Amino acid sequence: MMTLKRHLLLISNSTLHGGGYLEHCQEQIQKFLGEQVKRVLFVPYALHDRDDYARTARKKFESLGYGLDSIHEAADPVEAVQKSEAIFIGGGNTFRLLKTLYDNGLIPVIRKRIFEDGIPYIGSSAGTNVATISINTTNDMPIVYPPSLQALGLVPFNINPHYLDSDANSKHMGETREQRISQYHEELDTPPVLGLREGCILLVEGNKAKLLGITKARLFLRGQAPTEHDPGHDFSFLLDQ
């Protein structure tokens, strides 16, 4: 199997209870980007107030030693991606994010930068969702309509960020997250779904994938019972789909 150049840091959530923006994963971000990257291209499309979102992200990345440019401020978004050293796509509404990526013609150019040029990609929440094969397992409402649910396809499986376990004491009678993923797998030829709880991070380097962070992940394979996996677990086999 040919080794791909991809370098991905896929984070479940931007903010962990008790901490600030990206505080729980800032050490992983610094280690991931290293000293070669000087500036990061931020994609704030998942939120409506892009200016405020960019200010928040810029403040954080500058505190970590990196400059940050927001793609919504660029005259040509495609050119901004082509010239970027690293890409960070933040959280918000996944449908809004994916639609805007399509509207600006950014799907193929981001894929090229990741797979062919090997620049680092960081995703958080919705930014993690769009890194996968599709957004079928997002938790968000379809407030806008992207032309397709197919996403960047940087990995050949789905992720469910912010994965929530069912509460045995809850009186809520709606579907649990596990039931909703099970309903997805009732459809034919649906790929694995990796449930990333708050505090989970998936690091992908070429054909290797490893769980980082402080919480367990829950893996759903079609036709099989879900399984629990500790930080440090090797998920490389998911890249062979």
C-alpha atoms as a PDB file:
ATOM      1  CA  MET A   1       0.000   0.000   0.000  1.00  0.00           C
ATOM      2  CA  MET A   2       1.319   3.414  -0.944  1.00  0.00           C
ATOM      3  CA  THR A   3       2.017   5.659   2.021  1.00  0.00           C
ATOM      4  CA  LEU A   4       0.048   8.900   1.824  1.00  0.00           C
ATOM      5  CA  LYS A   5       1.524  12.216   2.880  1.00  0.00           C
ATOM      6  CA  ARG A   6      -1.483  13.179   5.011  1.00  0.00           C
ATOM      7  CA  HIS A   7      -0.924  14.693   8.451  1.00  0.00           C
ATOM      8  CA  LEU A   8      -4.184  15.139  10.349  1.00  0.00           C
ATOM      9  CA  LEU A   9      -5.050  16.131  13.911  1.00  0.00           C
ATOM     10  CA  LEU A  10      -8.771  15.505  14.365  1.00  0.00           C
ATOM     11  CA  ILE A  11     -10.130  16.931  17.616  1.00  0.00           C
ATOM     12  CA  SER A  12     -13.576  16.139  19.019  1.00  0.00           C
ATOM     13  CA  ASN A  13     -14.192  19.503  20.687  1.00  0.00           C
ATOM     14  CA  SER A  14     -12.650  22.966  20.780  1.00  0.00           C
ATOM     15  CA  THR A  15     -13.412  23.616  24.448  1.00  0.00           C
ATOM     16  CA  LEU A  16     -13.328  21.116  27.295  1.00  0.00           C
ATOM     17  CA  HIS A  17     -15.287  21.785  30.481  1.00  0.00           C
ATOM     18  CA  GLY A  18     -13.189  23.863  32.868  1.00  0.00           C
ATOM     19  CA  GLY A  19     -10.750  25.133  30.227  1.00  0.00           C
ATOM     20  CA  GLY A  20     -10.438  27.756  27.511  1.00  0.00           C
ATOM     21  CA  TYR A  21     -10.522  27.576  23.720  1.00  0.00           C
ATOM     22  CA  LEU A  22      -8.268  24.708  22.493  1.00  0.00           C
ATOM     23  CA  GLU A  23      -6.583  24.655  25.904  1.00  0.00           C
ATOM     24  CA  HIS A  24      -6.993  20.900  26.397  1.00  0.00           C
ATOM     25  CA  CYS A  25      -5.229  20.106  23.113  1.00  0.00           C
ATOM     26  CA  GLN A  26      -2.722  22.954  22.762  1.00  0.00           C
ATOM     27  CA  GLU A  27       0.282  20.736  23.504  1.00  0.00           C
ATOM     28  CA  GLN A  28      -0.784  18.284  20.783  1.00  0.00           C
ATOM     29  CA  ILE A  29      -1.278  21.196  18.346  1.00  0.00           C
ATOM     30  CA  GLN A  30       2.227  22.541  19.013  1.00  0.00           C
ATOM     31  CA  LYS A  31       3.808  19.112  18.683  1.00  0.00           C
ATOM     32  CA  PHE A  32       1.802  18.456  15.508  1.00  0.00           C
ATOM     33  CA  LEU A  33       2.667  21.731  13.760  1.00  0.00           C
ATOM     34  CA  GLY A  34       6.227  21.854  15.038  1.00  0.00           C
ATOM     35  CA  GLU A  35       8.626  24.701  14.299  1.00  0.00           C
ATOM     36  CA  GLN A  36       8.518  24.523  10.503  1.00  0.00           C
ATOM     37  CA  VAL A  37       4.988  25.940  10.283  1.00  0.00           C
ATOM     38  CA  LYS A  38       4.923  29.700  10.859  1.00  0.00           C
ATOM     39  CA  ARG A  39       1.362  30.584   9.818  1.00  0.00           C
ATOM     40  CA  VAL A  40      -1.930  28.693   9.878  1.00  0.00           C
ATOM     41  CA  LEU A  41      -4.878  29.243   7.526  1.00  0.00           C
ATOM     42  CA  PHE A  42      -8.094  29.259   9.550  1.00  0.00           C
ATOM     43  CA  VAL A  43     -11.455  28.323   8.029  1.00  0.00           C
ATOM     44  CA  PRO A  44     -14.291  29.877  10.112  1.00  0.00           C
ATOM     45  CA  TYR A  45     -17.137  28.923   7.777  1.00  0.00           C
ATOM     46  CA  ALA A  46     -19.025  26.843  10.370  1.00  0.00           C
ATOM     47  CA  LEU A  47     -20.064  29.951  12.351  1.00  0.00           C
ATOM     48  CA  HIS A  48     -22.001  33.005  11.173  1.00  0.00           C
ATOM     49  CA  ASP A  49     -19.786  35.642  12.831  1.00  0.00           C
ATOM     50  CA  ARG A  50     -16.537  34.853  11.060  1.00  0.00           C
ATOM     51  CA  ASP A  51     -14.743  37.992  12.247  1.00  0.00           C
ATOM     52  CA  ASP A  52     -15.276  37.156  15.916  1.00  0.00           C
ATOM     53  CA  TYR A  53     -14.391  33.512  15.341  1.00  0.00           C
ATOM     54  CA  ALA A  54     -11.156  34.488  13.600  1.00  0.00           C
ATOM     55  CA  ARG A  55     -10.237  36.794  16.502  1.00  0.00           C
ATOM     56  CA  THR A  56     -10.673  33.919  18.958  1.00  0.00           C
ATOM     57  CA  ALA A  57      -8.610  31.511  16.865  1.00  0.00           C
ATOM     58  CA  ARG A  58      -5.915  34.113  16.125  1.00  0.00           C
ATOM     59  CA  LYS A  59      -5.467  34.937  19.808  1.00  0.00           C
ATOM     60  CA  LYS A  60      -5.008  31.260  20.644  1.00  0.00           C
ATOM     61  CA  PHE A  61      -2.618  30.392  17.834  1.00  0.00           C
ATOM     62  CA  GLU A  62      -0.534  33.513  18.406  1.00  0.00           C
ATOM     63  CA  SER A  63      -0.193  32.470  22.055  1.00  0.00           C
ATOM     64  CA  LEU A  64       1.213  29.162  20.780  1.00  0.00           C
ATOM     65  CA  GLY A  65       3.716  30.921  18.523  1.00  0.00           C
ATOM     66  CA  TYR A  66       1.907  30.787  15.163  1.00  0.00           C
ATOM     67  CA  GLY A  67       0.501  33.493  12.938  1.00  0.00           C
ATOM     68  CA  LEU A  68      -3.067  32.984  11.734  1.00  0.00           C
ATOM     69  CA  ASP A  69      -4.785  34.112   8.535  1.00  0.00           C
ATOM     70  CA  SER A  70      -8.524  33.643   8.162  1.00  0.00           C
ATOM     71  CA  ILE A  71      -9.711  32.451   4.760  1.00  0.00           C
ATOM     72  CA  HIS A  72     -12.801  34.662   4.874  1.00  0.00           C
ATOM     73  CA  GLU A  73     -10.526  37.716   4.733  1.00  0.00           C
ATOM     74  CA  ALA A  74      -8.737  36.499   1.587  1.00  0.00           C
ATOM     75  CA  ALA A  75      -9.620  37.938  -1.832  1.00  0.00           C
ATOM     76  CA  ASP A  76      -9.282  34.461  -3.365  1.00  0.00           C
ATOM     77  CA  PRO A  77     -10.024  31.520  -1.016  1.00  0.00           C
ATOM     78  CA  VAL A  78      -8.584  28.950  -3.441  1.00  0.00           C
ATOM     79  CA  GLU A  79      -5.320  30.871  -3.688  1.00  0.00           C
ATOM     80  CA  ALA A  80      -5.227  31.166   0.112  1.00  0.00           C
ATOM     81  CA  VAL A  81      -5.385  27.370   0.413  1.00  0.00           C
ATOM     82  CA  GLN A  82      -2.780  26.933  -2.313  1.00  0.00           C
ATOM     83  CA  LYS A  83      -0.337  29.174  -0.432  1.00  0.00           C
ATOM     84  CA  SER A  84      -1.087  27.876   3.073  1.00  0.00           C
ATOM     85  CA  GLU A  85       1.451  26.146   5.317  1.00  0.00           C
ATOM     86  CA  ALA A  86      -1.211  24.456   7.451  1.00  0.00           C
ATOM     87  CA  ILE A  87      -5.012  24.438   7.620  1.00  0.00           C
ATOM     88  CA  PHE A  88      -7.268  24.603  10.686  1.00  0.00           C
ATOM     89  CA  ILE A  89     -11.020  24.173  10.240  1.00  0.00           C
ATOM     90  CA  GLY A  90     -12.996  25.014  13.361  1.00  0.00           C
ATOM     91  CA  GLY A  91     -16.319  23.868  14.760  1.00  0.00           C
ATOM     92  CA  GLY A  92     -19.864  25.126  14.415  1.00  0.00           C
ATOM     93  CA  ASN A  93     -22.580  23.902  12.051  1.00  0.00           C
ATOM     94  CA  THR A  94     -21.269  21.134   9.787  1.00  0.00           C
ATOM     95  CA  PHE A  95     -23.847  21.731   7.034  1.00  0.00           C
ATOM     96  CA  ARG A  96     -23.003  25.432   6.833  1.00  0.00           C
ATOM     97  CA  LEU A  97     -19.296  24.583   6.770  1.00  0.00           C
ATOM     98  CA  LEU A  98     -19.533  21.965   4.030  1.00  0.00           C
ATOM     99  CA  LYS A  99     -21.835  24.090   1.867  1.00  0.00           C
ATOM    100  CA  THR A 100     -19.394  27.000   2.005  1.00  0.00           C
ATOM    101  CA  LEU A 101     -16.450  24.725   1.149  1.00  0.00           C
ATOM    102  CA  TYR A 102     -18.398  23.582  -1.938  1.00  0.00           C
ATOM    103  CA  ASP A 103     -19.546  27.119  -2.796  1.00  0.00           C
ATOM    104  CA  ASN A 104     -15.940  28.338  -2.834  1.00  0.00           C
ATOM    105  CA  GLY A 105     -14.611  25.361  -4.791  1.00  0.00           C
ATOM    106  CA  LEU A 106     -12.330  24.329  -1.941  1.00  0.00           C
ATOM    107  CA  ILE A 107     -12.912  20.561  -1.729  1.00  0.00           C
ATOM    108  CA  PRO A 108     -10.428  19.516  -4.447  1.00  0.00           C
ATOM    109  CA  VAL A 109      -7.784  22.111  -3.570  1.00  0.00           C
ATOM    110  CA  ILE A 110      -7.753  21.159   0.126  1.00  0.00           C
ATOM    111  CA  ARG A 111      -7.517  17.477  -0.799  1.00  0.00           C
ATOM    112  CA  LYS A 112      -4.577  18.223  -3.085  1.00  0.00           C
ATOM    113  CA  ARG A 113      -2.750  20.201  -0.399  1.00  0.00           C
ATOM    114  CA  ILE A 114      -3.221  17.400   2.132  1.00  0.00           C
ATOM    115  CA  PHE A 115      -2.595  14.332  -0.037  1.00  0.00           C
ATOM    116  CA  GLU A 116      -0.042  15.648  -2.529  1.00  0.00           C
ATOM    117  CA  ASP A 117       1.740  18.452  -0.690  1.00  0.00           C
ATOM    118  CA  GLY A 118       1.483  16.965   2.792  1.00  0.00           C
ATOM    119  CA  ILE A 119       0.608  20.140   4.692  1.00  0.00           C
ATOM    120  CA  PRO A 120      -0.825  19.639   8.224  1.00  0.00           C
ATOM    121  CA  TYR A 121      -4.602  19.683   8.706  1.00  0.00           C
ATOM    122  CA  ILE A 122      -6.257  20.347  12.058  1.00  0.00           C
ATOM    123  CA  GLY A 123      -9.986  19.855  12.482  1.00  0.00           C
ATOM    124  CA  SER A 124     -12.151  20.473  15.509  1.00  0.00           C
ATOM    125  CA  SER A 125     -15.761  19.294  15.828  1.00  0.00           C
ATOM    126  CA  ALA A 126     -17.338  20.260  12.467  1.00  0.00           C
ATOM    127  CA  GLY A 127     -13.820  20.592  11.072  1.00  0.00           C
ATOM    128  CA  THR A 128     -13.253  16.974  12.081  1.00  0.00           C
ATOM    129  CA  ASN A 129     -16.558  15.922  10.524  1.00  0.00           C
ATOM    130  CA  VAL A 130     -15.683  17.380   7.120  1.00  0.00           C
ATOM    131  CA  ALA A 131     -12.289  15.667   7.168  1.00  0.00           C
ATOM    132  CA  THR A 132     -14.035  12.299   6.941  1.00  0.00           C
ATOM    133  CA  ILE A 133     -15.730  10.528   4.062  1.00  0.00           C
ATOM    134  CA  SER A 134     -19.071  12.246   4.697  1.00  0.00           C
ATOM    135  CA  ILE A 135     -21.017  14.291   7.242  1.00  0.00           C
ATOM    136  CA  ASN A 136     -23.723  11.624   7.653  1.00  0.00           C
ATOM    137  CA  THR A 137     -22.862  11.208  11.342  1.00  0.00           C
ATOM    138  CA  THR A 138     -22.748  14.867  12.389  1.00  0.00           C
ATOM    139  CA  ASN A 139     -24.898  15.940  15.346  1.00  0.00           C
ATOM    140  CA  ASP A 140     -25.911  19.206  13.669  1.00  0.00           C
ATOM    141  CA  MET A 141     -29.183  20.404  12.171  1.00  0.00           C
ATOM    142  CA  PRO A 142     -29.248  20.827   8.355  1.00  0.00           C
ATOM    143  CA  ILE A 143     -29.781  24.591   8.507  1.00  0.00           C
ATOM    144  CA  VAL A 144     -28.499  24.921   4.931  1.00  0.00           C
ATOM    145  CA  TYR A 145     -28.266  22.426   2.083  1.00  0.00           C
ATOM    146  CA  PRO A 146     -24.838  21.504   0.729  1.00  0.00           C
ATOM    147  CA  PRO A 147     -24.789  19.973  -2.768  1.00  0.00           C
ATOM    148  CA  SER A 148     -23.607  16.685  -1.274  1.00  0.00           C
ATOM    149  CA  LEU A 149     -23.027  15.057   2.095  1.00  0.00           C
ATOM    150  CA  GLN A 150     -19.693  13.777   0.767  1.00  0.00           C
ATOM    151  CA  ALA A 151     -16.902  15.659   2.499  1.00  0.00           C
ATOM    152  CA  LEU A 152     -13.125  15.999   2.098  1.00  0.00           C
ATOM    153  CA  GLY A 153     -12.527  12.256   2.421  1.00  0.00           C
ATOM    154  CA  LEU A 154      -9.152  12.662   4.130  1.00  0.00           C
ATOM    155  CA  VAL A 155      -9.987   9.411   5.956  1.00  0.00           C
ATOM    156  CA  PRO A 156     -12.246   6.615   4.605  1.00  0.00           C
ATOM    157  CA  PHE A 157     -14.592   6.384   7.599  1.00  0.00           C
ATOM    158  CA  ASN A 158     -16.951   8.565   9.612  1.00  0.00           C
ATOM    159  CA  ILE A 159     -16.458  10.281  12.946  1.00  0.00           C
ATOM    160  CA  ASN A 160     -19.063  11.347  15.488  1.00  0.00           C
ATOM    161  CA  PRO A 161     -17.514  14.203  17.490  1.00  0.00           C
ATOM    162  CA  HIS A 162     -18.854  15.037  20.960  1.00  0.00           C
ATOM    163  CA  TYR A 163     -19.963  11.412  21.330  1.00  0.00           C
ATOM    164  CA  LEU A 164     -22.363  11.127  24.273  1.00  0.00           C
ATOM    165  CA  ASP A 165     -23.063   8.005  26.293  1.00  0.00           C
ATOM    166  CA  SER A 166     -26.647   7.264  27.248  1.00  0.00           C
ATOM    167  CA  ASP A 167     -27.679   8.288  30.763  1.00  0.00           C
ATOM    168  CA  ALA A 168     -29.467   5.479  32.605  1.00  0.00           C
ATOM    169  CA  ASN A 169     -31.128   8.045  34.900  1.00  0.00           C
ATOM    170  CA  SER A 170     -32.419  10.266  32.106  1.00  0.00           C
ATOM    171  CA  LYS A 171     -36.160  10.425  31.376  1.00  0.00           C
ATOM    172  CA  HIS A 172     -35.472  11.531  27.805  1.00  0.00           C
ATOM    173  CA  MET A 173     -37.185   9.073  25.430  1.00  0.00           C
ATOM    174  CA  GLY A 174     -35.480  10.107  22.179  1.00  0.00           C
ATOM    175  CA  GLU A 175     -32.791   8.076  20.448  1.00  0.00           C
ATOM    176  CA  THR A 176     -29.404   7.789  22.086  1.00  0.00           C
ATOM    177  CA  ARG A 177     -26.293   8.596  20.065  1.00  0.00           C
ATOM    178  CA  GLU A 178     -25.562   4.878  19.851  1.00  0.00           C
ATOM    179  CA  GLN A 179     -29.034   4.198  18.431  1.00  0.00           C
ATOM    180  CA  ARG A 180     -28.623   6.898  15.795  1.00  0.00           C
ATOM    181  CA  ILE A 181     -25.309   5.467  14.650  1.00  0.00           C
ATOM    182  CA  SER A 182     -26.914   2.025  14.585  1.00  0.00           C
ATOM    183  CA  GLN A 183     -29.640   3.435  12.315  1.00  0.00           C
ATOM    184  CA  TYR A 184     -26.929   4.760   9.999  1.00  0.00           C
ATOM    185  CA  HIS A 185     -25.418   1.280   9.836  1.00  0.00           C
ATOM    186  CA  GLU A 186     -28.776  -0.191   8.855  1.00  0.00           C
ATOM    187  CA  GLU A 187     -28.043   1.292   5.433  1.00  0.00           C
ATOM    188  CA  LEU A 188     -25.933  -0.830   3.084  1.00  0.00           C
ATOM    189  CA  ASP A 189     -22.196  -0.248   2.620  1.00  0.00           C
ATOM    190  CA  THR A 190     -21.888   2.286   5.439  1.00  0.00           C
ATOM    191  CA  PRO A 191     -18.325   2.726   6.747  1.00  0.00           C
ATOM    192  CA  PRO A 192     -17.113   2.512  10.363  1.00  0.00           C
ATOM    193  CA  VAL A 193     -18.008   5.333  12.730  1.00  0.00           C
ATOM    194  CA  LEU A 194     -15.549   6.417  15.395  1.00  0.00           C
ATOM    195  CA  GLY A 195     -17.293   8.075  18.327  1.00  0.00           C
ATOM    196  CA  LEU A 196     -14.916  10.660  19.804  1.00  0.00           C
ATOM    197  CA  ARG A 197     -15.948  11.737  23.287  1.00  0.00           C
ATOM    198  CA  GLU A 198     -15.070  15.195  24.623  1.00  0.00           C
ATOM    199  CA  GLY A 199     -11.301  15.219  25.089  1.00  0.00           C
ATOM    200  CA  CYS A 200     -10.578  12.697  22.289  1.00  0.00           C
ATOM    201  CA  ILE A 201      -8.107  13.407  19.497  1.00  0.00           C
ATOM    202  CA  LEU A 202      -7.219  11.233  16.502  1.00  0.00           C
ATOM    203  CA  LEU A 203      -3.738  11.669  15.035  1.00  0.00           C
ATOM    204  CA  VAL A 204      -3.293  10.443  11.454  1.00  0.00           C
ATOM    205  CA  GLU A 205       0.209  10.288   9.984  1.00  0.00           C
ATOM    206  CA  GLY A 206       0.280   8.706   6.541  1.00  0.00           C
ATOM    207  CA  ASN A 207      -1.231   5.230   6.948  1.00  0.00           C
ATOM    208  CA  LYS A 208      -1.092   5.298  10.749  1.00  0.00           C
ATOM    209  CA  ALA A 209      -3.820   6.476  13.109  1.00  0.00           C
ATOM    210  CA  LYS A 210      -3.565   6.738  16.891  1.00  0.00           C
ATOM    211  CA  LEU A 211      -5.999   7.865  19.569  1.00  0.00           C
ATOM    212  CA  LEU A 212      -4.730  10.727  21.739  1.00  0.00           C
ATOM    213  CA  GLY A 213      -6.359  12.785  24.463  1.00  0.00           C
ATOM    214  CA  ILE A 214      -7.792  11.925  27.842  1.00  0.00           C
ATOM    215  CA  THR A 215     -10.970   9.942  27.124  1.00  0.00           C
ATOM    216  CA  LYS A 216     -11.918   6.663  25.484  1.00  0.00           C
ATOM    217  CA  ALA A 217     -13.346   6.399  21.975  1.00  0.00           C
ATOM    218  CA  ARG A 218     -16.206   4.115  20.943  1.00  0.00           C
ATOM    219  CA  LEU A 219     -15.953   2.314  17.598  1.00  0.00           C
ATOM    220  CA  PHE A 220     -18.992   1.234  15.589  1.00  0.00           C
ATOM    221  CA  LEU A 221     -18.603  -1.318  12.793  1.00  0.00           C
ATOM    222  CA  ARG A 222     -21.623  -2.306  10.718  1.00  0.00           C
ATOM    223  CA  GLY A 223     -23.160  -5.553  11.998  1.00  0.00           C
ATOM    224  CA  GLN A 224     -20.972  -5.714  15.104  1.00  0.00           C
ATOM    225  CA  ALA A 225     -21.287  -4.658  18.726  1.00  0.00           C
ATOM    226  CA  PRO A 226     -19.533  -1.350  19.511  1.00  0.00           C
ATOM    227  CA  THR A 227     -16.149  -1.499  21.232  1.00  0.00           C
ATOM    228  CA  GLU A 228     -14.301   0.770  23.683  1.00  0.00           C
ATOM    229  CA  HIS A 229     -10.730   1.952  23.121  1.00  0.00           C
ATOM    230  CA  ASP A 230      -8.305   3.765  25.415  1.00  0.00           C
ATOM    231  CA  PRO A 231      -6.004   6.660  24.506  1.00  0.00           C
ATOM    232  CA  GLY A 232      -2.968   5.262  22.734  1.00  0.00           C
ATOM    233  CA  HIS A 233      -5.020   2.742  20.724  1.00  0.00           C
ATOM    234  CA  ASP A 234      -3.863   2.053  17.171  1.00  0.00           C
ATOM    235  CA  PHE A 235      -6.698   2.752  14.713  1.00  0.00           C
ATOM    236  CA  SER A 236      -4.544   2.340  11.593  1.00  0.00           C
ATOM    237  CA  PHE A 237      -6.782  -0.471  10.329  1.00  0.00           C
ATOM    238  CA  LEU A 238      -9.579   2.058   9.767  1.00  0.00           C
ATOM    239  CA  LEU A 239      -7.479   3.642   7.034  1.00  0.00           C
ATOM    240  CA  ASP A 240      -7.578   0.405   5.009  1.00  0.00           C
ATOM    241  CA  GLN A 241     -11.295   0.730   4.198  1.00  0.00           C
END
